[in-house]
Amino acid sequence: MAIRRIGLTGGIGSGKSTVAAVLVAKGATLVDTDAIARALTGAGGAAMPRVRHEFGDGGVDSQGALDRERMRELAFADPSAKRRLEAILHPLIGAEALAQAAASTRGVIVFDVPLLTESSQWRTRCDRIVVVDCSEQTQVERVMRRSGWHEEHVRRVIAQQAPRPARRAIADAVIHNDAQSLAMLQDAVHALWALWVGRVDT
């Protein structure tokens, strides 16, 4: 079977975005569901009328965009709030992701989906799934360094994501990214590309 649709996932701070960039350099089209979600929930975004209706003005910042920090805290306190937000966003994200994939002129599509493990629907859309994995301590250190969050906050975010064993269980390939240099990580991605796609850069 020709590998044309690759699902990419990994926990926060795993290095998933770096792997995505290498795959794009190899010739893939990236469909970034996080970027789609940001567009949908930005000021004037297609999801915002329903967000405001569901959560009131408290879910919207002064610019008319989703108040991400407030919604994150609400999700920590009330798991049902996260489910309600996802019920609004996921159909819109899925539709836009498939539209972007259909518009691509490249042979390989990479769907970057943080919640791929939790979504059987996304798994059926992909020919192969690659998981970028590292230890929780590495995740914490990376996110603290890049975002300035406190350790407790990072660990709360990690706790809301799929457990590492669950992500690895759905993977056709796992790229380990703890102590690897950038060159080593790139080599791992290049090897996977050669195995799955079997063609040179486009």
N, C-alpha and C. Protein backbone atom coordinates (compact mmCIF):
# COMPACT_ATOMS: atom_id res chain seq x y z
N MET A 1 0.84 -1.20 0.00
CA MET A 1 0.00 0.00 0.00
C MET A 1 0.87 1.24 0.00
N ALA A 2 0.55 2.19 -0.87
CA ALA A 2 1.28 3.45 -0.88
C ALA A 2 0.92 4.26 0.36
N ILE A 3 1.94 4.77 1.02
CA ILE A 3 1.72 5.57 2.22
C ILE A 3 1.57 7.02 1.78
N ARG A 4 0.36 7.54 1.91
CA ARG A 4 0.10 8.90 1.45
C ARG A 4 -0.42 9.81 2.56
N ARG A 5 -0.98 9.23 3.62
CA ARG A 5 -1.51 10.05 4.72
C ARG A 5 -0.90 9.56 6.02
N ILE A 6 -0.06 10.40 6.60
CA ILE A 6 0.66 10.07 7.83
C ILE A 6 0.09 10.89 8.98
N GLY A 7 -0.31 10.20 10.03
CA GLY A 7 -0.74 10.88 11.24
C GLY A 7 0.45 11.08 12.17
N LEU A 8 0.60 12.29 12.66
CA LEU A 8 1.73 12.65 13.54
C LEU A 8 1.17 13.14 14.86
N THR A 9 1.66 12.56 15.95
CA THR A 9 1.20 13.02 17.26
C THR A 9 2.31 12.85 18.28
N GLY A 10 2.07 13.43 19.46
CA GLY A 10 3.04 13.40 20.55
C GLY A 10 2.60 14.36 21.63
N GLY A 11 3.08 14.16 22.82
CA GLY A 11 2.70 15.03 23.92
C GLY A 11 3.36 16.40 23.82
N ILE A 12 2.87 17.32 24.61
CA ILE A 12 3.45 18.65 24.66
C ILE A 12 4.94 18.55 24.99
N GLY A 13 5.75 19.29 24.26
CA GLY A 13 7.19 19.28 24.53
C GLY A 13 7.93 18.08 23.99
N SER A 14 7.26 17.25 23.19
CA SER A 14 7.92 16.03 22.69
C SER A 14 8.86 16.30 21.52
N GLY A 15 8.65 17.42 20.83
CA GLY A 15 9.43 17.71 19.63
C GLY A 15 8.65 17.43 18.35
N LYS A 16 7.34 17.30 18.48
CA LYS A 16 6.50 16.97 17.33
C LYS A 16 6.60 18.01 16.22
N SER A 17 6.66 19.28 16.60
CA SER A 17 6.73 20.34 15.58
C SER A 17 8.04 20.27 14.79
N THR A 18 9.11 19.88 15.46
CA THR A 18 10.39 19.73 14.76
C THR A 18 10.31 18.59 13.76
N VAL A 19 9.72 17.49 14.16
CA VAL A 19 9.54 16.35 13.25
C VAL A 19 8.67 16.76 12.07
N ALA A 20 7.61 17.52 12.33
CA ALA A 20 6.74 17.98 11.26
C ALA A 20 7.51 18.81 10.24
N ALA A 21 8.39 19.68 10.73
CA ALA A 21 9.18 20.53 9.84
C ALA A 21 10.10 19.70 8.96
N VAL A 22 10.67 18.64 9.51
CA VAL A 22 11.55 17.77 8.72
C VAL A 22 10.74 17.05 7.64
N LEU A 23 9.54 16.61 7.98
CA LEU A 23 8.69 15.93 7.00
C LEU A 23 8.29 16.88 5.87
N VAL A 24 8.03 18.12 6.21
CA VAL A 24 7.71 19.10 5.17
C VAL A 24 8.92 19.31 4.26
N ALA A 25 10.10 19.38 4.84
CA ALA A 25 11.32 19.53 4.04
C ALA A 25 11.53 18.33 3.12
N LYS A 26 11.04 17.17 3.52
CA LYS A 26 11.15 15.98 2.68
C LYS A 26 10.15 15.99 1.52
N GLY A 27 9.16 16.86 1.60
CA GLY A 27 8.21 16.97 0.49
C GLY A 27 6.76 16.79 0.86
N ALA A 28 6.45 16.69 2.15
CA ALA A 28 5.06 16.48 2.57
C ALA A 28 4.32 17.81 2.70
N THR A 29 3.02 17.73 2.59
CA THR A 29 2.15 18.84 2.95
C THR A 29 1.74 18.65 4.40
N LEU A 30 1.90 19.69 5.22
CA LEU A 30 1.51 19.61 6.63
C LEU A 30 0.12 20.20 6.82
N VAL A 31 -0.74 19.43 7.44
CA VAL A 31 -2.04 19.91 7.87
C VAL A 31 -2.00 19.96 9.39
N ASP A 32 -1.89 21.16 9.92
CA ASP A 32 -1.66 21.38 11.35
C ASP A 32 -2.99 21.69 12.02
N THR A 33 -3.52 20.73 12.76
CA THR A 33 -4.84 20.94 13.36
C THR A 33 -4.81 21.97 14.49
N ASP A 34 -3.67 22.14 15.15
CA ASP A 34 -3.55 23.21 16.15
C ASP A 34 -3.68 24.57 15.48
N ALA A 35 -3.01 24.74 14.34
CA ALA A 35 -3.10 26.02 13.61
C ALA A 35 -4.53 26.27 13.14
N ILE A 36 -5.19 25.21 12.70
CA ILE A 36 -6.59 25.35 12.29
C ILE A 36 -7.44 25.78 13.48
N ALA A 37 -7.21 25.16 14.63
CA ALA A 37 -7.98 25.52 15.82
C ALA A 37 -7.76 26.97 16.21
N ARG A 38 -6.51 27.43 16.09
CA ARG A 38 -6.23 28.84 16.43
C ARG A 38 -6.97 29.79 15.50
N ALA A 39 -7.02 29.43 14.22
CA ALA A 39 -7.75 30.28 13.26
C ALA A 39 -9.25 30.28 13.57
N LEU A 40 -9.78 29.14 13.90
CA LEU A 40 -11.21 29.04 14.19
C LEU A 40 -11.60 29.81 15.44
N THR A 41 -10.66 29.92 16.40
CA THR A 41 -10.97 30.55 17.68
C THR A 41 -10.33 31.93 17.82
N GLY A 42 -9.75 32.43 16.75
CA GLY A 42 -9.24 33.79 16.77
C GLY A 42 -10.38 34.78 16.65
N ALA A 43 -10.05 36.07 16.75
CA ALA A 43 -11.07 37.10 16.59
C ALA A 43 -11.73 36.97 15.22
N GLY A 44 -13.03 36.84 15.21
CA GLY A 44 -13.75 36.66 13.96
C GLY A 44 -13.73 35.24 13.44
N GLY A 45 -13.15 34.31 14.19
CA GLY A 45 -13.07 32.92 13.76
C GLY A 45 -14.44 32.27 13.68
N ALA A 46 -14.54 31.25 12.83
CA ALA A 46 -15.83 30.62 12.56
C ALA A 46 -16.44 29.97 13.80
N ALA A 47 -15.61 29.58 14.75
CA ALA A 47 -16.14 28.90 15.94
C ALA A 47 -16.61 29.87 17.02
N MET A 48 -16.24 31.13 16.93
CA MET A 48 -16.46 32.03 18.06
C MET A 48 -17.93 32.31 18.39
N PRO A 49 -18.83 32.41 17.41
CA PRO A 49 -20.23 32.60 17.81
C PRO A 49 -20.76 31.46 18.68
N ARG A 50 -20.41 30.23 18.34
CA ARG A 50 -20.87 29.10 19.15
C ARG A 50 -20.15 29.05 20.49
N VAL A 51 -18.87 29.43 20.52
CA VAL A 51 -18.13 29.48 21.79
C VAL A 51 -18.79 30.49 22.73
N ARG A 52 -19.10 31.66 22.19
CA ARG A 52 -19.73 32.69 23.03
C ARG A 52 -21.10 32.22 23.52
N HIS A 53 -21.84 31.55 22.65
CA HIS A 53 -23.17 31.07 23.05
C HIS A 53 -23.06 30.01 24.14
N GLU A 54 -22.04 29.15 24.05
CA GLU A 54 -21.90 28.05 25.00
C GLU A 54 -21.31 28.50 26.33
N PHE A 55 -20.34 29.43 26.28
CA PHE A 55 -19.60 29.78 27.49
C PHE A 55 -19.80 31.22 27.94
N GLY A 56 -20.53 32.00 27.16
CA GLY A 56 -20.76 33.38 27.54
C GLY A 56 -19.52 34.24 27.29
N ASP A 57 -19.61 35.47 27.72
CA ASP A 57 -18.50 36.40 27.51
C ASP A 57 -17.24 35.98 28.26
N GLY A 58 -17.38 35.15 29.28
CA GLY A 58 -16.21 34.71 30.05
C GLY A 58 -15.25 33.86 29.25
N GLY A 59 -15.72 33.29 28.15
CA GLY A 59 -14.84 32.48 27.31
C GLY A 59 -14.17 33.25 26.20
N VAL A 60 -14.41 34.57 26.16
CA VAL A 60 -13.93 35.39 25.06
C VAL A 60 -13.07 36.52 25.62
N ASP A 61 -11.92 36.77 24.97
CA ASP A 61 -11.06 37.85 25.45
C ASP A 61 -11.49 39.19 24.87
N SER A 62 -10.74 40.23 25.21
CA SER A 62 -11.13 41.59 24.82
C SER A 62 -11.06 41.82 23.32
N GLN A 63 -10.34 40.95 22.60
CA GLN A 63 -10.24 41.08 21.15
C GLN A 63 -11.30 40.28 20.40
N GLY A 64 -12.09 39.53 21.15
CA GLY A 64 -13.11 38.70 20.51
C GLY A 64 -12.64 37.30 20.17
N ALA A 65 -11.48 36.92 20.66
CA ALA A 65 -10.94 35.58 20.44
C ALA A 65 -11.19 34.71 21.67
N LEU A 66 -10.97 33.42 21.53
CA LEU A 66 -11.09 32.52 22.67
C LEU A 66 -10.09 32.94 23.75
N ASP A 67 -10.56 33.04 24.98
CA ASP A 67 -9.67 33.31 26.10
C ASP A 67 -9.04 31.98 26.51
N ARG A 68 -7.87 31.69 25.94
CA ARG A 68 -7.28 30.36 26.10
C ARG A 68 -6.91 30.07 27.56
N GLU A 69 -6.35 31.04 28.24
CA GLU A 69 -5.94 30.79 29.62
C GLU A 69 -7.15 30.52 30.51
N ARG A 70 -8.18 31.31 30.34
CA ARG A 70 -9.39 31.10 31.14
C ARG A 70 -10.03 29.76 30.83
N MET A 71 -10.08 29.40 29.53
CA MET A 71 -10.67 28.13 29.16
C MET A 71 -9.82 26.96 29.66
N ARG A 72 -8.51 27.12 29.67
CA ARG A 72 -7.64 26.07 30.18
C ARG A 72 -7.91 25.84 31.67
N GLU A 73 -8.04 26.92 32.42
CA GLU A 73 -8.33 26.79 33.84
C GLU A 73 -9.72 26.20 34.07
N LEU A 74 -10.67 26.58 33.24
CA LEU A 74 -12.02 26.02 33.37
C LEU A 74 -12.00 24.53 33.10
N ALA A 75 -11.22 24.11 32.09
CA ALA A 75 -11.13 22.69 31.77
C ALA A 75 -10.49 21.89 32.90
N PHE A 76 -9.48 22.50 33.57
CA PHE A 76 -8.87 21.84 34.73
C PHE A 76 -9.92 21.61 35.82
N ALA A 77 -10.76 22.64 36.04
CA ALA A 77 -11.73 22.57 37.13
C ALA A 77 -12.97 21.76 36.77
N ASP A 78 -13.33 21.75 35.49
CA ASP A 78 -14.58 21.12 35.06
C ASP A 78 -14.33 20.38 33.74
N PRO A 79 -14.07 19.07 33.80
CA PRO A 79 -13.79 18.31 32.56
C PRO A 79 -14.90 18.41 31.52
N SER A 80 -16.13 18.64 31.96
CA SER A 80 -17.22 18.74 30.98
C SER A 80 -17.05 19.97 30.09
N ALA A 81 -16.38 21.02 30.60
CA ALA A 81 -16.15 22.21 29.79
C ALA A 81 -15.26 21.89 28.61
N LYS A 82 -14.26 21.07 28.84
CA LYS A 82 -13.38 20.65 27.75
C LYS A 82 -14.16 19.88 26.70
N ARG A 83 -15.03 18.99 27.13
CA ARG A 83 -15.83 18.20 26.18
C ARG A 83 -16.77 19.09 25.38
N ARG A 84 -17.34 20.10 26.03
CA ARG A 84 -18.25 21.01 25.33
C ARG A 84 -17.50 21.83 24.28
N LEU A 85 -16.30 22.27 24.63
CA LEU A 85 -15.50 23.03 23.67
C LEU A 85 -15.08 22.14 22.50
N GLU A 86 -14.67 20.92 22.80
CA GLU A 86 -14.27 19.99 21.75
C GLU A 86 -15.44 19.66 20.82
N ALA A 87 -16.64 19.58 21.37
CA ALA A 87 -17.81 19.29 20.54
C ALA A 87 -18.05 20.39 19.52
N ILE A 88 -17.67 21.61 19.86
CA ILE A 88 -17.78 22.72 18.92
C ILE A 88 -16.66 22.67 17.90
N LEU A 89 -15.44 22.46 18.38
CA LEU A 89 -14.27 22.63 17.53
C LEU A 89 -13.96 21.43 16.63
N HIS A 90 -14.10 20.22 17.15
CA HIS A 90 -13.60 19.06 16.40
C HIS A 90 -14.25 18.88 15.02
N PRO A 91 -15.57 19.03 14.88
CA PRO A 91 -16.13 18.90 13.52
C PRO A 91 -15.59 19.97 12.56
N LEU A 92 -15.42 21.19 13.05
CA LEU A 92 -14.90 22.27 12.21
C LEU A 92 -13.44 22.02 11.84
N ILE A 93 -12.66 21.56 12.82
CA ILE A 93 -11.25 21.26 12.55
C ILE A 93 -11.14 20.13 11.53
N GLY A 94 -11.92 19.08 11.72
CA GLY A 94 -11.86 17.95 10.80
C GLY A 94 -12.21 18.34 9.38
N ALA A 95 -13.26 19.14 9.23
CA ALA A 95 -13.67 19.56 7.89
C ALA A 95 -12.59 20.39 7.21
N GLU A 96 -11.99 21.33 7.95
CA GLU A 96 -10.95 22.17 7.36
C GLU A 96 -9.69 21.37 7.07
N ALA A 97 -9.34 20.43 7.94
CA ALA A 97 -8.16 19.60 7.71
C ALA A 97 -8.31 18.79 6.43
N LEU A 98 -9.47 18.19 6.23
CA LEU A 98 -9.69 17.40 5.03
C LEU A 98 -9.72 18.27 3.78
N ALA A 99 -10.23 19.49 3.92
CA ALA A 99 -10.23 20.41 2.78
C ALA A 99 -8.81 20.79 2.39
N GLN A 100 -7.97 21.05 3.38
CA GLN A 100 -6.57 21.38 3.10
C GLN A 100 -5.86 20.20 2.44
N ALA A 101 -6.12 19.00 2.92
CA ALA A 101 -5.50 17.81 2.34
C ALA A 101 -5.94 17.63 0.89
N ALA A 102 -7.22 17.85 0.63
CA ALA A 102 -7.74 17.67 -0.73
C ALA A 102 -7.15 18.69 -1.70
N ALA A 103 -6.79 19.86 -1.17
CA ALA A 103 -6.25 20.92 -2.02
C ALA A 103 -4.76 20.76 -2.29
N SER A 104 -4.10 19.86 -1.58
CA SER A 104 -2.65 19.70 -1.73
C SER A 104 -2.31 19.05 -3.06
N THR A 105 -1.21 19.53 -3.65
CA THR A 105 -0.72 18.93 -4.90
C THR A 105 0.45 17.99 -4.64
N ARG A 106 0.83 17.81 -3.38
CA ARG A 106 1.92 16.91 -3.03
C ARG A 106 1.38 15.52 -2.74
N GLY A 107 2.25 14.54 -2.88
CA GLY A 107 1.80 13.17 -2.75
C GLY A 107 1.57 12.69 -1.34
N VAL A 108 2.23 13.33 -0.36
CA VAL A 108 2.15 12.87 1.03
C VAL A 108 1.57 13.98 1.90
N ILE A 109 0.59 13.63 2.69
CA ILE A 109 -0.04 14.55 3.63
C ILE A 109 0.33 14.12 5.04
N VAL A 110 0.78 15.06 5.86
CA VAL A 110 1.03 14.79 7.27
C VAL A 110 -0.02 15.53 8.08
N PHE A 111 -0.84 14.78 8.79
CA PHE A 111 -1.82 15.37 9.70
C PHE A 111 -1.20 15.45 11.09
N ASP A 112 -0.91 16.66 11.53
CA ASP A 112 -0.38 16.90 12.87
C ASP A 112 -1.57 17.06 13.81
N VAL A 113 -1.82 16.03 14.63
CA VAL A 113 -3.04 15.98 15.44
C VAL A 113 -2.67 15.66 16.89
N PRO A 114 -2.62 16.65 17.77
CA PRO A 114 -2.27 16.36 19.17
C PRO A 114 -3.19 15.34 19.82
N LEU A 115 -4.47 15.33 19.45
CA LEU A 115 -5.44 14.41 20.07
C LEU A 115 -5.70 13.17 19.22
N LEU A 116 -4.75 12.80 18.40
CA LEU A 116 -4.95 11.66 17.52
C LEU A 116 -5.20 10.38 18.30
N THR A 117 -4.50 10.20 19.40
CA THR A 117 -4.68 8.98 20.21
C THR A 117 -6.11 8.84 20.70
N GLU A 118 -6.72 9.97 21.04
CA GLU A 118 -8.07 9.93 21.59
C GLU A 118 -9.15 9.80 20.52
N SER A 119 -8.78 9.89 19.25
CA SER A 119 -9.77 9.95 18.18
C SER A 119 -9.66 8.76 17.24
N SER A 120 -10.59 7.83 17.34
CA SER A 120 -10.59 6.70 16.40
C SER A 120 -10.88 7.19 14.99
N GLN A 121 -11.64 8.27 14.87
CA GLN A 121 -11.95 8.82 13.55
C GLN A 121 -10.68 9.29 12.84
N TRP A 122 -9.80 9.97 13.58
CA TRP A 122 -8.56 10.43 12.96
C TRP A 122 -7.67 9.25 12.60
N ARG A 123 -7.65 8.24 13.42
CA ARG A 123 -6.78 7.10 13.12
C ARG A 123 -7.19 6.42 11.82
N THR A 124 -8.48 6.38 11.51
CA THR A 124 -8.92 5.74 10.28
C THR A 124 -8.62 6.60 9.06
N ARG A 125 -8.31 7.86 9.25
CA ARG A 125 -7.99 8.74 8.12
C ARG A 125 -6.53 8.62 7.69
N CYS A 126 -5.74 7.91 8.45
CA CYS A 126 -4.29 7.86 8.21
C CYS A 126 -3.85 6.47 7.78
N ASP A 127 -2.90 6.43 6.85
CA ASP A 127 -2.32 5.15 6.44
C ASP A 127 -1.34 4.63 7.48
N ARG A 128 -0.60 5.53 8.09
CA ARG A 128 0.37 5.19 9.12
C ARG A 128 0.38 6.29 10.18
N ILE A 129 0.75 5.90 11.39
CA ILE A 129 0.82 6.86 12.50
C ILE A 129 2.22 6.83 13.11
N VAL A 130 2.81 8.01 13.27
CA VAL A 130 4.10 8.12 13.93
C VAL A 130 3.91 8.94 15.20
N VAL A 131 4.48 8.44 16.28
CA VAL A 131 4.41 9.11 17.58
C VAL A 131 5.80 9.58 17.96
N VAL A 132 5.90 10.84 18.35
CA VAL A 132 7.15 11.39 18.88
C VAL A 132 7.06 11.28 20.40
N ASP A 133 8.03 10.61 21.00
CA ASP A 133 7.93 10.25 22.41
C ASP A 133 9.18 10.69 23.16
N CYS A 134 8.99 11.11 24.40
CA CYS A 134 10.12 11.39 25.30
C CYS A 134 9.61 11.28 26.73
N SER A 135 10.49 11.32 27.68
CA SER A 135 10.10 11.20 29.08
C SER A 135 9.32 12.42 29.53
N GLU A 136 8.51 12.24 30.55
CA GLU A 136 7.74 13.36 31.08
C GLU A 136 8.66 14.46 31.59
N GLN A 137 9.77 14.09 32.20
CA GLN A 137 10.70 15.11 32.70
C GLN A 137 11.25 15.95 31.57
N THR A 138 11.54 15.30 30.44
CA THR A 138 12.01 16.06 29.28
C THR A 138 10.92 17.00 28.79
N GLN A 139 9.69 16.53 28.75
CA GLN A 139 8.58 17.40 28.36
C GLN A 139 8.50 18.62 29.26
N VAL A 140 8.56 18.39 30.56
CA VAL A 140 8.44 19.48 31.53
C VAL A 140 9.55 20.50 31.32
N GLU A 141 10.77 20.04 31.20
CA GLU A 141 11.89 20.95 31.04
C GLU A 141 11.80 21.77 29.76
N ARG A 142 11.38 21.13 28.67
CA ARG A 142 11.27 21.85 27.39
C ARG A 142 10.18 22.91 27.45
N VAL A 143 9.02 22.54 27.99
CA VAL A 143 7.91 23.49 28.00
C VAL A 143 8.21 24.65 28.96
N MET A 144 8.82 24.37 30.09
CA MET A 144 9.18 25.44 31.00
C MET A 144 10.17 26.40 30.34
N ARG A 145 11.10 25.84 29.60
CA ARG A 145 12.13 26.66 28.95
C ARG A 145 11.54 27.55 27.85
N ARG A 146 10.63 26.99 27.08
CA ARG A 146 10.11 27.76 25.94
C ARG A 146 8.92 28.64 26.29
N SER A 147 8.15 28.26 27.30
CA SER A 147 6.91 28.98 27.60
C SER A 147 6.95 29.77 28.89
N GLY A 148 7.91 29.43 29.75
CA GLY A 148 7.98 30.13 31.03
C GLY A 148 6.92 29.70 32.03
N TRP A 149 6.26 28.57 31.76
CA TRP A 149 5.26 28.08 32.70
C TRP A 149 5.94 27.48 33.92
N HIS A 150 5.19 27.47 35.05
CA HIS A 150 5.67 26.78 36.24
C HIS A 150 5.54 25.27 36.03
N GLU A 151 6.37 24.52 36.73
CA GLU A 151 6.37 23.06 36.57
C GLU A 151 5.00 22.46 36.85
N GLU A 152 4.34 22.94 37.90
CA GLU A 152 3.03 22.38 38.25
C GLU A 152 2.04 22.55 37.10
N HIS A 153 2.10 23.71 36.45
CA HIS A 153 1.18 23.97 35.35
C HIS A 153 1.46 23.03 34.18
N VAL A 154 2.72 22.83 33.87
CA VAL A 154 3.08 21.93 32.77
C VAL A 154 2.59 20.52 33.06
N ARG A 155 2.80 20.07 34.28
CA ARG A 155 2.39 18.71 34.63
C ARG A 155 0.87 18.56 34.60
N ARG A 156 0.15 19.61 34.90
CA ARG A 156 -1.31 19.55 34.80
C ARG A 156 -1.74 19.39 33.34
N VAL A 157 -1.07 20.09 32.44
CA VAL A 157 -1.38 19.95 31.02
C VAL A 157 -1.06 18.54 30.55
N ILE A 158 0.10 18.03 30.93
CA ILE A 158 0.49 16.66 30.54
C ILE A 158 -0.53 15.65 31.05
N ALA A 159 -1.03 15.86 32.27
CA ALA A 159 -1.98 14.92 32.86
C ALA A 159 -3.29 14.88 32.09
N GLN A 160 -3.61 15.95 31.37
CA GLN A 160 -4.86 15.98 30.60
C GLN A 160 -4.69 15.34 29.22
N GLN A 161 -3.45 15.07 28.83
CA GLN A 161 -3.21 14.46 27.53
C GLN A 161 -3.20 12.94 27.67
N ALA A 162 -3.26 12.27 26.53
CA ALA A 162 -3.22 10.81 26.54
C ALA A 162 -1.92 10.32 27.19
N PRO A 163 -1.94 9.26 27.96
CA PRO A 163 -0.71 8.73 28.55
C PRO A 163 0.25 8.24 27.47
N ARG A 164 1.53 8.28 27.77
CA ARG A 164 2.53 7.85 26.79
C ARG A 164 2.29 6.42 26.31
N PRO A 165 1.97 5.47 27.19
CA PRO A 165 1.72 4.10 26.68
C PRO A 165 0.57 4.04 25.70
N ALA A 166 -0.47 4.86 25.91
CA ALA A 166 -1.61 4.86 24.99
C ALA A 166 -1.19 5.39 23.63
N ARG A 167 -0.35 6.42 23.60
CA ARG A 167 0.12 6.93 22.31
C ARG A 167 0.97 5.90 21.60
N ARG A 168 1.87 5.29 22.33
CA ARG A 168 2.74 4.29 21.70
C ARG A 168 1.94 3.09 21.19
N ALA A 169 0.83 2.79 21.85
CA ALA A 169 0.03 1.63 21.46
C ALA A 169 -0.62 1.79 20.09
N ILE A 170 -0.85 3.03 19.65
CA ILE A 170 -1.49 3.23 18.35
C ILE A 170 -0.46 3.49 17.25
N ALA A 171 0.82 3.52 17.61
CA ALA A 171 1.85 3.93 16.66
C ALA A 171 2.27 2.81 15.72
N ASP A 172 2.47 3.16 14.47
CA ASP A 172 3.17 2.28 13.54
C ASP A 172 4.67 2.48 13.64
N ALA A 173 5.07 3.65 14.13
CA ALA A 173 6.49 3.94 14.39
C ALA A 173 6.57 4.95 15.53
N VAL A 174 7.59 4.80 16.36
CA VAL A 174 7.84 5.73 17.46
C VAL A 174 9.21 6.35 17.24
N ILE A 175 9.27 7.67 17.27
CA ILE A 175 10.54 8.39 17.22
C ILE A 175 10.86 8.86 18.62
N HIS A 176 11.93 8.34 19.18
CA HIS A 176 12.33 8.70 20.54
C HIS A 176 13.15 9.99 20.51
N ASN A 177 12.78 10.93 21.37
CA ASN A 177 13.39 12.25 21.30
C ASN A 177 13.68 12.80 22.69
N ASP A 178 14.52 12.08 23.43
CA ASP A 178 14.95 12.57 24.74
C ASP A 178 16.27 13.32 24.62
N ALA A 179 17.35 12.60 24.47
CA ALA A 179 18.67 13.24 24.46
C ALA A 179 19.23 13.42 23.06
N GLN A 180 18.42 13.13 22.04
CA GLN A 180 18.92 13.20 20.68
C GLN A 180 19.26 14.62 20.28
N SER A 181 20.31 14.74 19.49
CA SER A 181 20.61 16.02 18.86
C SER A 181 19.64 16.24 17.72
N LEU A 182 19.60 17.47 17.20
CA LEU A 182 18.75 17.75 16.06
C LEU A 182 19.13 16.87 14.88
N ALA A 183 20.42 16.68 14.66
CA ALA A 183 20.88 15.86 13.54
C ALA A 183 20.39 14.42 13.70
N MET A 184 20.43 13.88 14.92
CA MET A 184 19.96 12.52 15.15
C MET A 184 18.45 12.41 14.92
N LEU A 185 17.72 13.44 15.35
CA LEU A 185 16.27 13.44 15.13
C LEU A 185 15.96 13.50 13.64
N GLN A 186 16.67 14.34 12.92
CA GLN A 186 16.47 14.42 11.47
C GLN A 186 16.77 13.10 10.79
N ASP A 187 17.84 12.44 11.23
CA ASP A 187 18.20 11.14 10.64
C ASP A 187 17.09 10.12 10.85
N ALA A 188 16.48 10.15 12.03
CA ALA A 188 15.39 9.21 12.32
C ALA A 188 14.19 9.46 11.41
N VAL A 189 13.89 10.73 11.18
CA VAL A 189 12.76 11.07 10.32
C VAL A 189 13.07 10.70 8.87
N HIS A 190 14.30 10.96 8.43
CA HIS A 190 14.69 10.60 7.07
C HIS A 190 14.58 9.09 6.85
N ALA A 191 14.99 8.32 7.84
CA ALA A 191 14.92 6.86 7.72
C ALA A 191 13.48 6.40 7.63
N LEU A 192 12.61 7.00 8.42
CA LEU A 192 11.20 6.62 8.38
C LEU A 192 10.58 7.00 7.02
N TRP A 193 10.94 8.15 6.51
CA TRP A 193 10.45 8.58 5.20
C TRP A 193 10.87 7.57 4.12
N ALA A 194 12.12 7.18 4.17
CA ALA A 194 12.62 6.22 3.18
C ALA A 194 11.86 4.91 3.26
N LEU A 195 11.53 4.48 4.48
CA LEU A 195 10.83 3.23 4.68
C LEU A 195 9.38 3.31 4.22
N TRP A 196 8.71 4.39 4.55
CA TRP A 196 7.29 4.50 4.27
C TRP A 196 6.97 5.07 2.90
N VAL A 197 7.76 6.03 2.48
CA VAL A 197 7.45 6.74 1.24
C VAL A 197 8.34 6.27 0.09
N GLY A 198 9.63 6.06 0.40
CA GLY A 198 10.54 5.48 -0.55
C GLY A 198 10.88 6.32 -1.74
N ARG A 199 10.89 7.63 -1.53
CA ARG A 199 11.33 8.50 -2.62
C ARG A 199 12.14 9.65 -2.06
N VAL A 200 12.89 10.31 -2.90
CA VAL A 200 13.76 11.38 -2.46
C VAL A 200 12.96 12.66 -2.28
N ASP A 201 13.63 13.68 -1.75
CA ASP A 201 12.98 14.97 -1.52
C ASP A 201 12.36 15.48 -2.81
N THR A 202 11.22 16.19 -2.66
CA THR A 202 10.58 16.79 -3.81
C THR A 202 10.70 18.29 -3.75
